[in-house]
Amino acid sequence: MLETFPQPSANKLPEYYKSEDYISHTDAKRNVFEKVYHLVKGIALKRKLKLINAVTKNSKSLLDVGCGTGDFLQVASKSGWTITGIEPNEQARSIANKKTDNSVFDADKLFKLEEQSFDVITLWHVLEHLPELEEHFNVFDKLLKPEGVLIIAVPNYKSYDAKLYKEFWAAYDVPRHLWHFSQDSIKGLAKKVDMTLVKTEPMKFDAFYVSLLSEKYKSGSMNYVKGFWHGWRSNLKARTSGEYSSLIYVLKHQKRQ
């Protein structure tokens, strides 16, 4: 695992999220890139829903941590899930609550939820933003029901696109991303709270999205041809190595398998 250093102080960190260009906190469709982002996001939401439906059989209680503007919670609610969201950003939380009948709360609520009350806890590109990793893992473990599942999606700094773009790799996203994970580091963090990895899945769209942004950071302009080419190559190489640009990890408590 890599660490961003120095890390912003707790009171400074929220300032880095106050930008119209931070796309996960808005529903903006100002240009072609943002319109395509939301189109792909719709496809990804269906795949996420399919995943959570596959890992639970009986009741369906979901906690989505860092839920952004609430789209995943909205989709899950329509599929019969009882939903709760955590979102520290006030603007994003306000948008999410309009979609979820006020089911989204600020970050402090996470530590006040009832223990063993969720079948599934999801963090879609959120873990890398949390200052206290082990503390949060302990909280997630306590909030899960005996057969509960923790699902984490994070960028993978060992992917081809990460190695290609190096310091220009968009998924480093410093200083908002405090940590940068490999598959081994996720296994190590899970082990500290007696959880184990039961499944890993790729997020293939991320290779294209991250490569496009990386091209912009590297050259100053959005080179769609290069971005898509390197995104495609990243996914192709990952078919052999398993090192996709982003990965989804499905974790369970060792005693609950």
C-alpha atoms as a PDB file:
ATOM      1  CA  MET A   1       0.000   0.000   0.000  1.00  0.00           C
ATOM      2  CA  LEU A   2       1.210   3.487  -0.844  1.00  0.00           C
ATOM      3  CA  GLU A   3       0.476   6.526   1.293  1.00  0.00           C
ATOM      4  CA  THR A   4       0.013  10.145   0.259  1.00  0.00           C
ATOM      5  CA  PHE A   5       2.502  12.260   2.186  1.00  0.00           C
ATOM      6  CA  PRO A   6       2.033  14.735   3.609  1.00  0.00           C
ATOM      7  CA  GLN A   7      -1.689  14.227   4.152  1.00  0.00           C
ATOM      8  CA  PRO A   8      -4.004  17.221   4.570  1.00  0.00           C
ATOM      9  CA  SER A   9      -5.236  17.878   8.090  1.00  0.00           C
ATOM     10  CA  ALA A  10      -8.799  16.799   8.882  1.00  0.00           C
ATOM     11  CA  ASN A  11     -10.118  20.371   8.738  1.00  0.00           C
ATOM     12  CA  LYS A  12      -8.378  21.119   5.423  1.00  0.00           C
ATOM     13  CA  LEU A  13      -9.346  17.947   3.531  1.00  0.00           C
ATOM     14  CA  PRO A  14     -13.001  18.948   2.765  1.00  0.00           C
ATOM     15  CA  GLU A  15     -11.747  21.994   0.853  1.00  0.00           C
ATOM     16  CA  TYR A  16     -10.310  19.753  -1.862  1.00  0.00           C
ATOM     17  CA  TYR A  17     -13.779  18.420  -2.695  1.00  0.00           C
ATOM     18  CA  LYS A  18     -15.314  21.845  -3.319  1.00  0.00           C
ATOM     19  CA  SER A  19     -15.093  21.888  -7.085  1.00  0.00           C
ATOM     20  CA  GLU A  20     -17.621  21.687  -9.902  1.00  0.00           C
ATOM     21  CA  ASP A  21     -15.159  19.364 -11.632  1.00  0.00           C
ATOM     22  CA  TYR A  22     -15.420  16.775  -8.840  1.00  0.00           C
ATOM     23  CA  ILE A  23     -17.919  14.799 -10.836  1.00  0.00           C
ATOM     24  CA  SER A  24     -19.068  12.289  -8.185  1.00  0.00           C
ATOM     25  CA  HIS A  25     -20.505  15.141  -6.097  1.00  0.00           C
ATOM     26  CA  THR A  26     -22.654  16.596  -8.874  1.00  0.00           C
ATOM     27  CA  ASP A  27     -25.083  15.443 -11.537  1.00  0.00           C
ATOM     28  CA  ALA A  28     -23.611  17.835 -14.088  1.00  0.00           C
ATOM     29  CA  LYS A  29     -23.716  17.015 -17.803  1.00  0.00           C
ATOM     30  CA  ARG A  30     -21.914  20.087 -19.114  1.00  0.00           C
ATOM     31  CA  ASN A  31     -19.886  18.460 -21.865  1.00  0.00           C
ATOM     32  CA  VAL A  32     -19.416  15.248 -23.854  1.00  0.00           C
ATOM     33  CA  PHE A  33     -17.093  13.758 -21.240  1.00  0.00           C
ATOM     34  CA  GLU A  34     -19.597  14.240 -18.417  1.00  0.00           C
ATOM     35  CA  LYS A  35     -22.496  12.951 -20.547  1.00  0.00           C
ATOM     36  CA  VAL A  36     -20.553   9.800 -21.420  1.00  0.00           C
ATOM     37  CA  TYR A  37     -19.554   9.437 -17.746  1.00  0.00           C
ATOM     38  CA  HIS A  38     -23.204   9.360 -16.680  1.00  0.00           C
ATOM     39  CA  LEU A  39     -24.122   6.967 -19.493  1.00  0.00           C
ATOM     40  CA  VAL A  40     -21.438   4.516 -18.388  1.00  0.00           C
ATOM     41  CA  LYS A  41     -22.408   5.121 -14.769  1.00  0.00           C
ATOM     42  CA  GLY A  42     -25.897   3.823 -15.547  1.00  0.00           C
ATOM     43  CA  ILE A  43     -24.456   0.564 -16.875  1.00  0.00           C
ATOM     44  CA  ALA A  44     -22.144   0.267 -13.864  1.00  0.00           C
ATOM     45  CA  LEU A  45     -25.054   0.771 -11.457  1.00  0.00           C
ATOM     46  CA  LYS A  46     -26.847  -2.238 -12.919  1.00  0.00           C
ATOM     47  CA  ARG A  47     -23.721  -4.376 -12.499  1.00  0.00           C
ATOM     48  CA  LYS A  48     -23.315  -3.240  -8.889  1.00  0.00           C
ATOM     49  CA  LEU A  49     -26.945  -4.108  -8.197  1.00  0.00           C
ATOM     50  CA  LYS A  50     -26.456  -7.537  -9.742  1.00  0.00           C
ATOM     51  CA  LEU A  51     -23.451  -8.102  -7.481  1.00  0.00           C
ATOM     52  CA  ILE A  52     -25.204  -7.222  -4.220  1.00  0.00           C
ATOM     53  CA  ASN A  53     -28.248  -9.278  -5.211  1.00  0.00           C
ATOM     54  CA  ALA A  54     -25.952 -12.251  -5.746  1.00  0.00           C
ATOM     55  CA  VAL A  55     -24.333 -12.126  -2.298  1.00  0.00           C
ATOM     56  CA  THR A  56     -27.454 -12.106  -0.106  1.00  0.00           C
ATOM     57  CA  LYS A  57     -30.446 -14.428  -0.113  1.00  0.00           C
ATOM     58  CA  ASN A  58     -32.870 -13.292   2.558  1.00  0.00           C
ATOM     59  CA  SER A  59     -33.270  -9.748   3.916  1.00  0.00           C
ATOM     60  CA  LYS A  60     -31.799  -6.863   1.980  1.00  0.00           C
ATOM     61  CA  SER A  61     -30.391  -4.082   4.135  1.00  0.00           C
ATOM     62  CA  LEU A  62     -27.708  -1.943   2.499  1.00  0.00           C
ATOM     63  CA  LEU A  63     -25.301   0.671   3.812  1.00  0.00           C
ATOM     64  CA  ASP A  64     -23.485   2.645   1.118  1.00  0.00           C
ATOM     65  CA  VAL A  65     -20.587   4.637   2.581  1.00  0.00           C
ATOM     66  CA  GLY A  66     -19.561   7.692   0.573  1.00  0.00           C
ATOM     67  CA  CYS A  67     -22.692   7.409  -1.528  1.00  0.00           C
ATOM     68  CA  GLY A  68     -22.157  10.655  -3.447  1.00  0.00           C
ATOM     69  CA  THR A  69     -25.353  11.858  -5.111  1.00  0.00           C
ATOM     70  CA  GLY A  70     -27.222   8.671  -4.195  1.00  0.00           C
ATOM     71  CA  ASP A  71     -27.680   6.983  -7.567  1.00  0.00           C
ATOM     72  CA  PHE A  72     -26.680   3.524  -6.368  1.00  0.00           C
ATOM     73  CA  LEU A  73     -28.943   3.779  -3.323  1.00  0.00           C
ATOM     74  CA  GLN A  74     -31.805   4.856  -5.540  1.00  0.00           C
ATOM     75  CA  VAL A  75     -31.340   1.861  -7.846  1.00  0.00           C
ATOM     76  CA  ALA A  76     -31.052  -0.510  -4.880  1.00  0.00           C
ATOM     77  CA  SER A  77     -34.180   0.907  -3.237  1.00  0.00           C
ATOM     78  CA  LYS A  78     -36.194   0.318  -6.407  1.00  0.00           C
ATOM     79  CA  SER A  79     -34.956  -3.298  -6.328  1.00  0.00           C
ATOM     80  CA  GLY A  80     -36.347  -3.873  -2.829  1.00  0.00           C
ATOM     81  CA  TRP A  81     -33.379  -2.973  -0.640  1.00  0.00           C
ATOM     82  CA  THR A  82     -33.712  -1.095   2.638  1.00  0.00           C
ATOM     83  CA  ILE A  83     -31.135   1.643   2.189  1.00  0.00           C
ATOM     84  CA  THR A  84     -28.930   3.864   4.324  1.00  0.00           C
ATOM     85  CA  GLY A  85     -26.244   6.167   2.988  1.00  0.00           C
ATOM     86  CA  ILE A  86     -23.318   8.064   4.447  1.00  0.00           C
ATOM     87  CA  GLU A  87     -22.023  11.133   2.607  1.00  0.00           C
ATOM     88  CA  PRO A  88     -19.865  13.839   4.230  1.00  0.00           C
ATOM     89  CA  ASN A  89     -20.205  16.381   1.400  1.00  0.00           C
ATOM     90  CA  GLU A  90     -23.217  18.601   2.061  1.00  0.00           C
ATOM     91  CA  GLN A  91     -23.979  19.355  -1.585  1.00  0.00           C
ATOM     92  CA  ALA A  92     -23.854  15.710  -2.653  1.00  0.00           C
ATOM     93  CA  ARG A  93     -25.831  14.639   0.426  1.00  0.00           C
ATOM     94  CA  SER A  94     -28.599  17.123  -0.403  1.00  0.00           C
ATOM     95  CA  ILE A  95     -28.909  15.737  -3.954  1.00  0.00           C
ATOM     96  CA  ALA A  96     -28.859  12.158  -2.632  1.00  0.00           C
ATOM     97  CA  ASN A  97     -31.613  12.781  -0.097  1.00  0.00           C
ATOM     98  CA  LYS A  98     -33.936  14.021  -2.830  1.00  0.00           C
ATOM     99  CA  LYS A  99     -33.481  10.668  -4.578  1.00  0.00           C
ATOM    100  CA  THR A 100     -33.694   8.444  -1.486  1.00  0.00           C
ATOM    101  CA  ASP A 101     -36.425   9.944   0.726  1.00  0.00           C
ATOM    102  CA  ASN A 102     -33.849  11.361   3.180  1.00  0.00           C
ATOM    103  CA  SER A 103     -31.948   8.116   3.731  1.00  0.00           C
ATOM    104  CA  VAL A 104     -28.482   9.703   3.614  1.00  0.00           C
ATOM    105  CA  PHE A 105     -26.609  11.078   6.639  1.00  0.00           C
ATOM    106  CA  ASP A 106     -23.356  12.858   7.402  1.00  0.00           C
ATOM    107  CA  ALA A 107     -20.171  11.030   8.376  1.00  0.00           C
ATOM    108  CA  ASP A 108     -20.784  11.108  12.149  1.00  0.00           C
ATOM    109  CA  LYS A 109     -23.833   8.894  11.741  1.00  0.00           C
ATOM    110  CA  LEU A 110     -21.621   5.959  10.734  1.00  0.00           C
ATOM    111  CA  PHE A 111     -20.443   5.516  14.326  1.00  0.00           C
ATOM    112  CA  LYS A 112     -23.985   5.685  15.740  1.00  0.00           C
ATOM    113  CA  LEU A 113     -25.670   2.991  13.642  1.00  0.00           C
ATOM    114  CA  GLU A 114     -26.948  -0.184  15.276  1.00  0.00           C
ATOM    115  CA  GLU A 115     -24.506  -3.089  15.290  1.00  0.00           C
ATOM    116  CA  GLN A 116     -25.179  -6.116  13.062  1.00  0.00           C
ATOM    117  CA  SER A 117     -27.874  -4.283  11.126  1.00  0.00           C
ATOM    118  CA  PHE A 118     -26.706  -4.580   7.502  1.00  0.00           C
ATOM    119  CA  ASP A 119     -26.512  -7.457   5.050  1.00  0.00           C
ATOM    120  CA  VAL A 120     -24.203  -5.557   2.710  1.00  0.00           C
ATOM    121  CA  ILE A 121     -21.907  -2.563   3.170  1.00  0.00           C
ATOM    122  CA  THR A 122     -20.502  -0.992   0.016  1.00  0.00           C
ATOM    123  CA  LEU A 123     -17.700   1.504  -0.589  1.00  0.00           C
ATOM    124  CA  TRP A 124     -17.436   2.414  -4.261  1.00  0.00           C
ATOM    125  CA  HIS A 125     -14.124   4.277  -4.590  1.00  0.00           C
ATOM    126  CA  VAL A 126     -14.358   5.525  -1.020  1.00  0.00           C
ATOM    127  CA  LEU A 127     -11.840   3.579   1.089  1.00  0.00           C
ATOM    128  CA  GLU A 128      -8.946   5.554  -0.382  1.00  0.00           C
ATOM    129  CA  HIS A 129     -10.496   8.734   1.077  1.00  0.00           C
ATOM    130  CA  LEU A 130     -10.822   7.544   4.702  1.00  0.00           C
ATOM    131  CA  PRO A 131      -8.114   8.731   7.132  1.00  0.00           C
ATOM    132  CA  GLU A 132      -8.402   5.922   9.702  1.00  0.00           C
ATOM    133  CA  LEU A 133      -8.450   2.662   7.750  1.00  0.00           C
ATOM    134  CA  GLU A 134      -8.326   0.114  10.582  1.00  0.00           C
ATOM    135  CA  GLU A 135     -10.851   2.039  12.659  1.00  0.00           C
ATOM    136  CA  HIS A 136     -13.297   2.074   9.757  1.00  0.00           C
ATOM    137  CA  PHE A 137     -12.748  -1.635   9.054  1.00  0.00           C
ATOM    138  CA  ASN A 138     -13.629  -2.357  12.678  1.00  0.00           C
ATOM    139  CA  VAL A 139     -16.812  -0.299  12.368  1.00  0.00           C
ATOM    140  CA  PHE A 140     -17.852  -2.049   9.154  1.00  0.00           C
ATOM    141  CA  ASP A 141     -17.281  -5.437  10.769  1.00  0.00           C
ATOM    142  CA  LYS A 142     -19.496  -4.517  13.728  1.00  0.00           C
ATOM    143  CA  LEU A 143     -22.279  -3.178  11.513  1.00  0.00           C
ATOM    144  CA  LEU A 144     -22.505  -6.311   9.381  1.00  0.00           C
ATOM    145  CA  LYS A 145     -24.957  -9.094  10.192  1.00  0.00           C
ATOM    146  CA  PRO A 146     -23.460 -12.568  10.877  1.00  0.00           C
ATOM    147  CA  GLU A 147     -23.621 -13.466   7.173  1.00  0.00           C
ATOM    148  CA  GLY A 148     -22.953  -9.904   5.997  1.00  0.00           C
ATOM    149  CA  VAL A 149     -20.671  -8.908   3.145  1.00  0.00           C
ATOM    150  CA  LEU A 150     -18.320  -5.947   2.733  1.00  0.00           C
ATOM    151  CA  ILE A 151     -17.797  -4.802  -0.856  1.00  0.00           C
ATOM    152  CA  ILE A 152     -14.945  -2.416  -1.629  1.00  0.00           C
ATOM    153  CA  ALA A 153     -13.963  -0.895  -4.979  1.00  0.00           C
ATOM    154  CA  VAL A 154     -10.626   0.922  -5.217  1.00  0.00           C
ATOM    155  CA  PRO A 155      -8.057   1.885  -7.871  1.00  0.00           C
ATOM    156  CA  ASN A 156      -5.151  -0.492  -8.339  1.00  0.00           C
ATOM    157  CA  TYR A 157      -1.742   1.182  -8.528  1.00  0.00           C
ATOM    158  CA  LYS A 158      -0.227  -2.014  -9.979  1.00  0.00           C
ATOM    159  CA  SER A 159      -2.326  -1.760 -13.144  1.00  0.00           C
ATOM    160  CA  TYR A 160      -0.818  -1.135 -16.576  1.00  0.00           C
ATOM    161  CA  ASP A 161      -2.309   2.372 -16.848  1.00  0.00           C
ATOM    162  CA  ALA A 162      -0.877   3.313 -13.433  1.00  0.00           C
ATOM    163  CA  LYS A 163       2.591   2.204 -14.468  1.00  0.00           C
ATOM    164  CA  LEU A 164       2.255   3.941 -17.828  1.00  0.00           C
ATOM    165  CA  TYR A 165       1.153   7.360 -16.562  1.00  0.00           C
ATOM    166  CA  LYS A 166       3.179   7.297 -13.327  1.00  0.00           C
ATOM    167  CA  GLU A 167       2.789  10.630 -11.512  1.00  0.00           C
ATOM    168  CA  PHE A 168       0.114  11.690 -14.015  1.00  0.00           C
ATOM    169  CA  TRP A 169      -2.101   8.689 -13.237  1.00  0.00           C
ATOM    170  CA  ALA A 170      -5.470  10.256 -12.456  1.00  0.00           C
ATOM    171  CA  ALA A 171      -6.439   7.622  -9.890  1.00  0.00           C
ATOM    172  CA  TYR A 172      -3.700   8.813  -7.535  1.00  0.00           C
ATOM    173  CA  ASP A 173      -5.890  11.934  -7.176  1.00  0.00           C
ATOM    174  CA  VAL A 174      -3.791  13.455  -4.400  1.00  0.00           C
ATOM    175  CA  PRO A 175      -4.470  14.799  -1.866  1.00  0.00           C
ATOM    176  CA  ARG A 176      -8.061  13.483  -1.900  1.00  0.00           C
ATOM    177  CA  HIS A 177      -6.821   9.899  -2.137  1.00  0.00           C
ATOM    178  CA  LEU A 178      -4.893   9.262   1.035  1.00  0.00           C
ATOM    179  CA  TRP A 179      -4.055   5.607   0.296  1.00  0.00           C
ATOM    180  CA  HIS A 180      -3.256   3.641  -2.850  1.00  0.00           C
ATOM    181  CA  PHE A 181      -4.042  -0.061  -2.791  1.00  0.00           C
ATOM    182  CA  SER A 182      -2.794  -3.279  -4.310  1.00  0.00           C
ATOM    183  CA  GLN A 183      -4.541  -6.632  -4.017  1.00  0.00           C
ATOM    184  CA  ASP A 184      -2.145  -7.703  -1.256  1.00  0.00           C
ATOM    185  CA  SER A 185      -2.806  -4.574   0.798  1.00  0.00           C
ATOM    186  CA  ILE A 186      -6.573  -5.161   0.755  1.00  0.00           C
ATOM    187  CA  LYS A 187      -6.046  -8.741   1.912  1.00  0.00           C
ATOM    188  CA  GLY A 188      -3.759  -7.488   4.683  1.00  0.00           C
ATOM    189  CA  LEU A 189      -6.240  -4.889   5.923  1.00  0.00           C
ATOM    190  CA  ALA A 190      -9.066  -7.427   5.907  1.00  0.00           C
ATOM    191  CA  LYS A 191      -6.985  -9.936   7.836  1.00  0.00           C
ATOM    192  CA  LYS A 192      -6.474  -7.463  10.686  1.00  0.00           C
ATOM    193  CA  VAL A 193     -10.204  -7.614  11.451  1.00  0.00           C
ATOM    194  CA  ASP A 194     -10.539 -11.353  10.744  1.00  0.00           C
ATOM    195  CA  MET A 195     -12.106 -10.830   7.334  1.00  0.00           C
ATOM    196  CA  THR A 196     -11.060 -12.625   4.204  1.00  0.00           C
ATOM    197  CA  LEU A 197     -11.331 -12.042   0.477  1.00  0.00           C
ATOM    198  CA  VAL A 198     -13.896 -14.317  -1.164  1.00  0.00           C
ATOM    199  CA  LYS A 199     -14.164 -12.725  -4.599  1.00  0.00           C
ATOM    200  CA  THR A 200     -12.473 -10.152  -6.842  1.00  0.00           C
ATOM    201  CA  GLU A 201     -14.037  -8.518  -9.894  1.00  0.00           C
ATOM    202  CA  PRO A 202     -12.660  -6.003 -12.415  1.00  0.00           C
ATOM    203  CA  MET A 203     -14.105  -2.559 -13.161  1.00  0.00           C
ATOM    204  CA  LYS A 204     -13.181  -2.445 -16.830  1.00  0.00           C
ATOM    205  CA  PHE A 205     -14.735   0.936 -17.606  1.00  0.00           C
ATOM    206  CA  ASP A 206     -12.381   2.565 -15.110  1.00  0.00           C
ATOM    207  CA  ALA A 207      -9.347   1.922 -17.314  1.00  0.00           C
ATOM    208  CA  PHE A 208     -10.832   4.155 -20.024  1.00  0.00           C
ATOM    209  CA  TYR A 209     -12.045   6.863 -17.640  1.00  0.00           C
ATOM    210  CA  VAL A 210      -8.753   7.039 -15.751  1.00  0.00           C
ATOM    211  CA  SER A 211      -6.649   6.944 -18.925  1.00  0.00           C
ATOM    212  CA  LEU A 212      -8.630   9.820 -20.439  1.00  0.00           C
ATOM    213  CA  LEU A 213      -8.130  11.951 -17.343  1.00  0.00           C
ATOM    214  CA  SER A 214      -4.475  10.952 -17.158  1.00  0.00           C
ATOM    215  CA  GLU A 215      -3.973  12.117 -20.729  1.00  0.00           C
ATOM    216  CA  LYS A 216      -5.448  15.478 -19.761  1.00  0.00           C
ATOM    217  CA  TYR A 217      -3.189  15.791 -16.723  1.00  0.00           C
ATOM    218  CA  LYS A 218      -0.132  14.801 -18.745  1.00  0.00           C
ATOM    219  CA  SER A 219      -0.649  16.886 -21.876  1.00  0.00           C
ATOM    220  CA  GLY A 220      -3.164  19.538 -20.837  1.00  0.00           C
ATOM    221  CA  SER A 221      -5.861  18.319 -23.230  1.00  0.00           C
ATOM    222  CA  MET A 222      -8.265  15.405 -23.447  1.00  0.00           C
ATOM    223  CA  ASN A 223      -6.787  13.081 -26.068  1.00  0.00           C
ATOM    224  CA  TYR A 224      -9.637  10.632 -26.642  1.00  0.00           C
ATOM    225  CA  VAL A 225      -7.747   8.410 -29.079  1.00  0.00           C
ATOM    226  CA  LYS A 226      -4.756   7.914 -26.779  1.00  0.00           C
ATOM    227  CA  GLY A 227      -6.935   7.615 -23.699  1.00  0.00           C
ATOM    228  CA  PHE A 228      -9.134   4.878 -25.142  1.00  0.00           C
ATOM    229  CA  TRP A 229      -6.124   3.097 -26.648  1.00  0.00           C
ATOM    230  CA  HIS A 230      -4.285   2.912 -23.329  1.00  0.00           C
ATOM    231  CA  GLY A 231      -7.471   1.992 -21.480  1.00  0.00           C
ATOM    232  CA  TRP A 232      -8.018  -0.872 -23.911  1.00  0.00           C
ATOM    233  CA  ARG A 233      -4.403  -2.018 -23.551  1.00  0.00           C
ATOM    234  CA  SER A 234      -4.693  -1.904 -19.759  1.00  0.00           C
ATOM    235  CA  ASN A 235      -7.716  -4.193 -19.805  1.00  0.00           C
ATOM    236  CA  LEU A 236      -6.068  -6.504 -22.323  1.00  0.00           C
ATOM    237  CA  LYS A 237      -2.927  -6.912 -20.207  1.00  0.00           C
ATOM    238  CA  ALA A 238      -5.029  -7.389 -17.076  1.00  0.00           C
ATOM    239  CA  ARG A 239      -6.693 -10.448 -18.602  1.00  0.00           C
ATOM    240  CA  THR A 240      -3.380 -12.203 -17.936  1.00  0.00           C
ATOM    241  CA  SER A 241      -2.058 -10.362 -14.881  1.00  0.00           C
ATOM    242  CA  GLY A 242      -5.368  -9.734 -13.066  1.00  0.00           C
ATOM    243  CA  GLU A 243      -4.156  -6.185 -12.384  1.00  0.00           C
ATOM    244  CA  TYR A 244      -7.116  -4.131 -13.660  1.00  0.00           C
ATOM    245  CA  SER A 245      -7.215  -0.351 -13.261  1.00  0.00           C
ATOM    246  CA  SER A 246      -9.811  -0.742 -10.499  1.00  0.00           C
ATOM    247  CA  LEU A 247     -10.967  -3.833  -8.645  1.00  0.00           C
ATOM    248  CA  ILE A 248     -13.982  -4.806  -6.577  1.00  0.00           C
ATOM    249  CA  TYR A 249     -13.245  -6.876  -3.469  1.00  0.00           C
ATOM    250  CA  VAL A 250     -15.923  -8.966  -1.734  1.00  0.00           C
ATOM    251  CA  LEU A 251     -15.002  -9.621   1.903  1.00  0.00           C
ATOM    252  CA  LYS A 252     -16.558 -11.705   4.680  1.00  0.00           C
ATOM    253  CA  HIS A 253     -15.678 -12.398   8.290  1.00  0.00           C
ATOM    254  CA  GLN A 254     -13.621 -15.580   8.513  1.00  0.00           C
ATOM    255  CA  LYS A 255     -15.992 -17.114  11.052  1.00  0.00           C
ATOM    256  CA  ARG A 256     -19.022 -16.310   8.926  1.00  0.00           C
ATOM    257  CA  GLN A 257     -18.164 -18.141   5.723  1.00  0.00           C
END
